[in-house]
Amino acid sequence: MGRKDDVRDRDWDKELAEVDRLLNNIPGHVPAPPPVRAPGGARPAGAPAAGPRKLSTREWVGTWIRVGLGLLIGIGMTQWPYTHGCGLKLWFYLLGVGAVVAAGVWSSISSWRRHLGLAHVLSQGLVIWGLVLAAREVLPRVHYARDIATWMCP
């Protein structure tokens, strides 16, 4: 028998009870309350824990649609058809940038809850892209960048 079999054959309830007994002998140790189990919900010793729930097709497609829409908005912002140097056009551009960040956060939350790694990475990239677009417009207007710009047109 190998080491793996020894681990499986141990009585873990006995082992943990011994650890608790030793901890309770330490002066100043406050014992933890016993774990609360639902009536009739206790699983037998040695039974495997419940695995992650199966992701439905609707949830998977919904998350990827959110990510795709966010990416389309993010890419579309690079093709903004109007000048956005100052005034109302700048504010509309910043509203679009806010939509990129919001889409990134929305798809990021969805992908995190559904454990979709690639979708989550793309969503985080979308948030970062939106923040970069915002920084390009905001930093010169708060006199942080070398070039100085104005919020309103003269």
C-alpha atoms as a PDB file:
ATOM      1  CA  MET A   1       0.000   0.000   0.000  1.00  0.00           C
ATOM      2  CA  GLY A   2       1.287   3.424  -0.874  1.00  0.00           C
ATOM      3  CA  ARG A   3       1.007   6.687   0.906  1.00  0.00           C
ATOM      4  CA  LYS A   4      -2.228   7.553  -0.964  1.00  0.00           C
ATOM      5  CA  ASP A   5      -4.035   4.568   0.518  1.00  0.00           C
ATOM      6  CA  ASP A   6      -2.958   5.524   4.053  1.00  0.00           C
ATOM      7  CA  VAL A   7      -4.548   8.948   3.660  1.00  0.00           C
ATOM      8  CA  ARG A   8      -7.797   7.495   2.384  1.00  0.00           C
ATOM      9  CA  ASP A   9      -8.054   4.896   5.153  1.00  0.00           C
ATOM     10  CA  ARG A  10      -7.676   7.401   8.015  1.00  0.00           C
ATOM     11  CA  ASP A  11     -10.592   8.217  10.247  1.00  0.00           C
ATOM     12  CA  TRP A  12     -10.552  11.966   9.852  1.00  0.00           C
ATOM     13  CA  ASP A  13     -13.231  12.552  12.473  1.00  0.00           C
ATOM     14  CA  LYS A  14     -10.994  10.900  15.080  1.00  0.00           C
ATOM     15  CA  GLU A  15      -7.944  12.844  13.888  1.00  0.00           C
ATOM     16  CA  LEU A  16      -9.755  16.184  14.043  1.00  0.00           C
ATOM     17  CA  ALA A  17     -11.284  15.379  17.436  1.00  0.00           C
ATOM     18  CA  GLU A  18      -7.742  14.796  18.743  1.00  0.00           C
ATOM     19  CA  VAL A  19      -6.599  18.137  17.318  1.00  0.00           C
ATOM     20  CA  ASP A  20      -9.559  19.872  18.969  1.00  0.00           C
ATOM     21  CA  ARG A  21      -8.765  18.173  22.297  1.00  0.00           C
ATOM     22  CA  LEU A  22      -5.135  19.334  22.122  1.00  0.00           C
ATOM     23  CA  LEU A  23      -6.161  22.878  21.193  1.00  0.00           C
ATOM     24  CA  ASN A  24      -8.580  23.055  24.097  1.00  0.00           C
ATOM     25  CA  ASN A  25      -5.681  22.252  26.490  1.00  0.00           C
ATOM     26  CA  ILE A  26      -3.842  25.428  25.447  1.00  0.00           C
ATOM     27  CA  PRO A  27      -4.384  28.189  28.054  1.00  0.00           C
ATOM     28  CA  GLY A  28      -6.428  31.110  26.707  1.00  0.00           C
ATOM     29  CA  HIS A  29      -7.764  29.157  23.740  1.00  0.00           C
ATOM     30  CA  VAL A  30     -11.426  29.794  22.998  1.00  0.00           C
ATOM     31  CA  PRO A  31     -13.015  26.706  21.431  1.00  0.00           C
ATOM     32  CA  ALA A  32     -14.800  27.219  18.127  1.00  0.00           C
ATOM     33  CA  PRO A  33     -18.537  26.491  18.027  1.00  0.00           C
ATOM     34  CA  PRO A  34     -19.476  23.153  16.492  1.00  0.00           C
ATOM     35  CA  PRO A  35     -20.361  23.241  12.774  1.00  0.00           C
ATOM     36  CA  VAL A  36     -24.034  23.641  11.998  1.00  0.00           C
ATOM     37  CA  ARG A  37     -25.483  21.056   9.653  1.00  0.00           C
ATOM     38  CA  ALA A  38     -28.860  21.128   8.013  1.00  0.00           C
ATOM     39  CA  PRO A  39     -31.227  18.489   9.343  1.00  0.00           C
ATOM     40  CA  GLY A  40     -31.034  15.459   7.097  1.00  0.00           C
ATOM     41  CA  GLY A  41     -28.472  17.257   4.927  1.00  0.00           C
ATOM     42  CA  ALA A  42     -25.384  15.602   6.353  1.00  0.00           C
ATOM     43  CA  ARG A  43     -23.501  13.570   3.817  1.00  0.00           C
ATOM     44  CA  PRO A  44     -21.991  10.249   4.853  1.00  0.00           C
ATOM     45  CA  ALA A  45     -18.282  10.084   5.655  1.00  0.00           C
ATOM     46  CA  GLY A  46     -16.219   9.435   2.558  1.00  0.00           C
ATOM     47  CA  ALA A  47     -18.897  10.668   0.168  1.00  0.00           C
ATOM     48  CA  PRO A  48     -17.578  13.105  -2.425  1.00  0.00           C
ATOM     49  CA  ALA A  49     -18.503  16.758  -2.092  1.00  0.00           C
ATOM     50  CA  ALA A  50     -20.916  18.208  -4.587  1.00  0.00           C
ATOM     51  CA  GLY A  51     -19.075  19.495  -7.674  1.00  0.00           C
ATOM     52  CA  PRO A  52     -19.701  22.775  -9.449  1.00  0.00           C
ATOM     53  CA  ARG A  53     -23.096  23.090 -11.027  1.00  0.00           C
ATOM     54  CA  LYS A  54     -23.429  22.540 -14.749  1.00  0.00           C
ATOM     55  CA  LEU A  55     -23.512  25.757 -16.773  1.00  0.00           C
ATOM     56  CA  SER A  56     -26.571  26.022 -18.995  1.00  0.00           C
ATOM     57  CA  THR A  57     -26.229  26.954 -22.652  1.00  0.00           C
ATOM     58  CA  ARG A  58     -28.298  30.075 -22.070  1.00  0.00           C
ATOM     59  CA  GLU A  59     -25.909  31.325 -19.369  1.00  0.00           C
ATOM     60  CA  TRP A  60     -22.843  30.551 -21.473  1.00  0.00           C
ATOM     61  CA  VAL A  61     -24.231  32.284 -24.572  1.00  0.00           C
ATOM     62  CA  GLY A  62     -25.517  35.242 -22.524  1.00  0.00           C
ATOM     63  CA  THR A  63     -22.084  35.858 -21.031  1.00  0.00           C
ATOM     64  CA  TRP A  64     -20.349  35.644 -24.396  1.00  0.00           C
ATOM     65  CA  ILE A  65     -22.902  38.022 -25.940  1.00  0.00           C
ATOM     66  CA  ARG A  66     -22.110  40.541 -23.190  1.00  0.00           C
ATOM     67  CA  VAL A  67     -18.387  40.164 -23.816  1.00  0.00           C
ATOM     68  CA  GLY A  68     -18.871  40.443 -27.583  1.00  0.00           C
ATOM     69  CA  LEU A  69     -21.000  43.565 -27.336  1.00  0.00           C
ATOM     70  CA  GLY A  70     -18.475  45.160 -25.022  1.00  0.00           C
ATOM     71  CA  LEU A  71     -15.629  44.338 -27.391  1.00  0.00           C
ATOM     72  CA  LEU A  72     -17.570  45.802 -30.321  1.00  0.00           C
ATOM     73  CA  ILE A  73     -18.139  49.033 -28.396  1.00  0.00           C
ATOM     74  CA  GLY A  74     -14.476  49.123 -27.362  1.00  0.00           C
ATOM     75  CA  ILE A  75     -13.252  48.621 -30.915  1.00  0.00           C
ATOM     76  CA  GLY A  76     -15.843  51.053 -32.240  1.00  0.00           C
ATOM     77  CA  MET A  77     -14.543  53.801 -29.987  1.00  0.00           C
ATOM     78  CA  THR A  78     -11.295  53.802 -31.973  1.00  0.00           C
ATOM     79  CA  GLN A  79     -13.333  54.707 -35.044  1.00  0.00           C
ATOM     80  CA  TRP A  80     -15.233  57.590 -33.413  1.00  0.00           C
ATOM     81  CA  PRO A  81     -16.416  59.621 -36.443  1.00  0.00           C
ATOM     82  CA  TYR A  82     -16.405  63.113 -34.894  1.00  0.00           C
ATOM     83  CA  THR A  83     -13.769  65.348 -33.464  1.00  0.00           C
ATOM     84  CA  HIS A  84     -13.903  65.264 -29.684  1.00  0.00           C
ATOM     85  CA  GLY A  85     -11.473  67.952 -28.671  1.00  0.00           C
ATOM     86  CA  CYS A  86     -13.843  70.033 -26.560  1.00  0.00           C
ATOM     87  CA  GLY A  87     -17.425  70.913 -25.760  1.00  0.00           C
ATOM     88  CA  LEU A  88     -20.479  68.758 -26.233  1.00  0.00           C
ATOM     89  CA  LYS A  89     -18.726  66.384 -28.640  1.00  0.00           C
ATOM     90  CA  LEU A  90     -16.143  65.639 -25.932  1.00  0.00           C
ATOM     91  CA  TRP A  91     -18.887  64.879 -23.419  1.00  0.00           C
ATOM     92  CA  PHE A  92     -20.598  62.485 -25.845  1.00  0.00           C
ATOM     93  CA  TYR A  93     -17.247  60.780 -26.476  1.00  0.00           C
ATOM     94  CA  LEU A  94     -16.679  60.415 -22.729  1.00  0.00           C
ATOM     95  CA  LEU A  95     -20.194  58.983 -22.427  1.00  0.00           C
ATOM     96  CA  GLY A  96     -19.179  56.351 -24.999  1.00  0.00           C
ATOM     97  CA  VAL A  97     -15.997  55.637 -23.056  1.00  0.00           C
ATOM     98  CA  GLY A  98     -18.124  55.204 -19.943  1.00  0.00           C
ATOM     99  CA  ALA A  99     -20.218  52.692 -21.891  1.00  0.00           C
ATOM    100  CA  VAL A 100     -17.038  50.735 -22.693  1.00  0.00           C
ATOM    101  CA  VAL A 101     -16.081  50.582 -19.010  1.00  0.00           C
ATOM    102  CA  ALA A 102     -19.644  49.690 -17.981  1.00  0.00           C
ATOM    103  CA  ALA A 103     -19.813  46.916 -20.592  1.00  0.00           C
ATOM    104  CA  GLY A 104     -16.484  45.592 -19.346  1.00  0.00           C
ATOM    105  CA  VAL A 105     -17.641  45.532 -15.733  1.00  0.00           C
ATOM    106  CA  TRP A 106     -20.994  43.980 -16.699  1.00  0.00           C
ATOM    107  CA  SER A 107     -19.401  41.194 -18.735  1.00  0.00           C
ATOM    108  CA  SER A 108     -16.685  40.741 -16.106  1.00  0.00           C
ATOM    109  CA  ILE A 109     -19.226  40.096 -13.358  1.00  0.00           C
ATOM    110  CA  SER A 110     -21.137  37.684 -15.570  1.00  0.00           C
ATOM    111  CA  SER A 111     -18.017  35.763 -16.593  1.00  0.00           C
ATOM    112  CA  TRP A 112     -16.755  35.612 -12.999  1.00  0.00           C
ATOM    113  CA  ARG A 113     -20.023  34.118 -11.743  1.00  0.00           C
ATOM    114  CA  ARG A 114     -20.045  31.522 -14.507  1.00  0.00           C
ATOM    115  CA  HIS A 115     -16.328  30.637 -14.189  1.00  0.00           C
ATOM    116  CA  LEU A 116     -15.521  31.471 -17.816  1.00  0.00           C
ATOM    117  CA  GLY A 117     -11.826  32.302 -17.694  1.00  0.00           C
ATOM    118  CA  LEU A 118     -11.225  33.584 -21.227  1.00  0.00           C
ATOM    119  CA  ALA A 119     -14.373  35.703 -21.134  1.00  0.00           C
ATOM    120  CA  HIS A 120     -13.233  37.177 -17.827  1.00  0.00           C
ATOM    121  CA  VAL A 121      -9.777  38.031 -19.156  1.00  0.00           C
ATOM    122  CA  LEU A 122     -11.322  39.741 -22.194  1.00  0.00           C
ATOM    123  CA  SER A 123     -13.707  41.631 -19.925  1.00  0.00           C
ATOM    124  CA  GLN A 124     -10.868  42.856 -17.747  1.00  0.00           C
ATOM    125  CA  GLY A 125      -9.013  43.935 -20.873  1.00  0.00           C
ATOM    126  CA  LEU A 126     -12.115  45.847 -21.934  1.00  0.00           C
ATOM    127  CA  VAL A 127     -12.242  47.699 -18.608  1.00  0.00           C
ATOM    128  CA  ILE A 128      -8.571  48.587 -18.927  1.00  0.00           C
ATOM    129  CA  TRP A 129      -9.094  49.741 -22.538  1.00  0.00           C
ATOM    130  CA  GLY A 130     -11.950  52.004 -21.434  1.00  0.00           C
ATOM    131  CA  LEU A 131      -9.803  53.495 -18.692  1.00  0.00           C
ATOM    132  CA  VAL A 132      -6.996  54.137 -21.202  1.00  0.00           C
ATOM    133  CA  LEU A 133      -9.432  55.909 -23.530  1.00  0.00           C
ATOM    134  CA  ALA A 134     -10.698  58.001 -20.629  1.00  0.00           C
ATOM    135  CA  ALA A 135      -7.182  58.850 -19.475  1.00  0.00           C
ATOM    136  CA  ARG A 136      -6.252  60.083 -22.967  1.00  0.00           C
ATOM    137  CA  GLU A 137      -8.985  62.699 -22.756  1.00  0.00           C
ATOM    138  CA  VAL A 138      -9.111  63.534 -19.068  1.00  0.00           C
ATOM    139  CA  LEU A 139      -5.426  63.806 -18.113  1.00  0.00           C
ATOM    140  CA  PRO A 140      -4.619  66.752 -20.444  1.00  0.00           C
ATOM    141  CA  ARG A 141      -7.670  68.577 -19.114  1.00  0.00           C
ATOM    142  CA  VAL A 142      -6.644  68.252 -15.479  1.00  0.00           C
ATOM    143  CA  HIS A 143      -3.128  69.487 -16.347  1.00  0.00           C
ATOM    144  CA  TYR A 144      -1.494  66.148 -15.599  1.00  0.00           C
ATOM    145  CA  ALA A 145      -0.152  65.525 -19.096  1.00  0.00           C
ATOM    146  CA  ARG A 146       2.433  67.534 -21.033  1.00  0.00           C
ATOM    147  CA  ASP A 147      -0.212  68.848 -23.441  1.00  0.00           C
ATOM    148  CA  ILE A 148      -2.946  70.979 -21.953  1.00  0.00           C
ATOM    149  CA  ALA A 149      -6.518  70.865 -23.280  1.00  0.00           C
ATOM    150  CA  THR A 150      -9.796  72.477 -22.248  1.00  0.00           C
ATOM    151  CA  TRP A 151     -13.157  71.009 -21.446  1.00  0.00           C
ATOM    152  CA  MET A 152     -15.208  73.658 -23.236  1.00  0.00           C
ATOM    153  CA  CYS A 153     -14.500  75.165 -26.637  1.00  0.00           C
ATOM    154  CA  PRO A 154     -13.440  78.836 -26.682  1.00  0.00           C
END
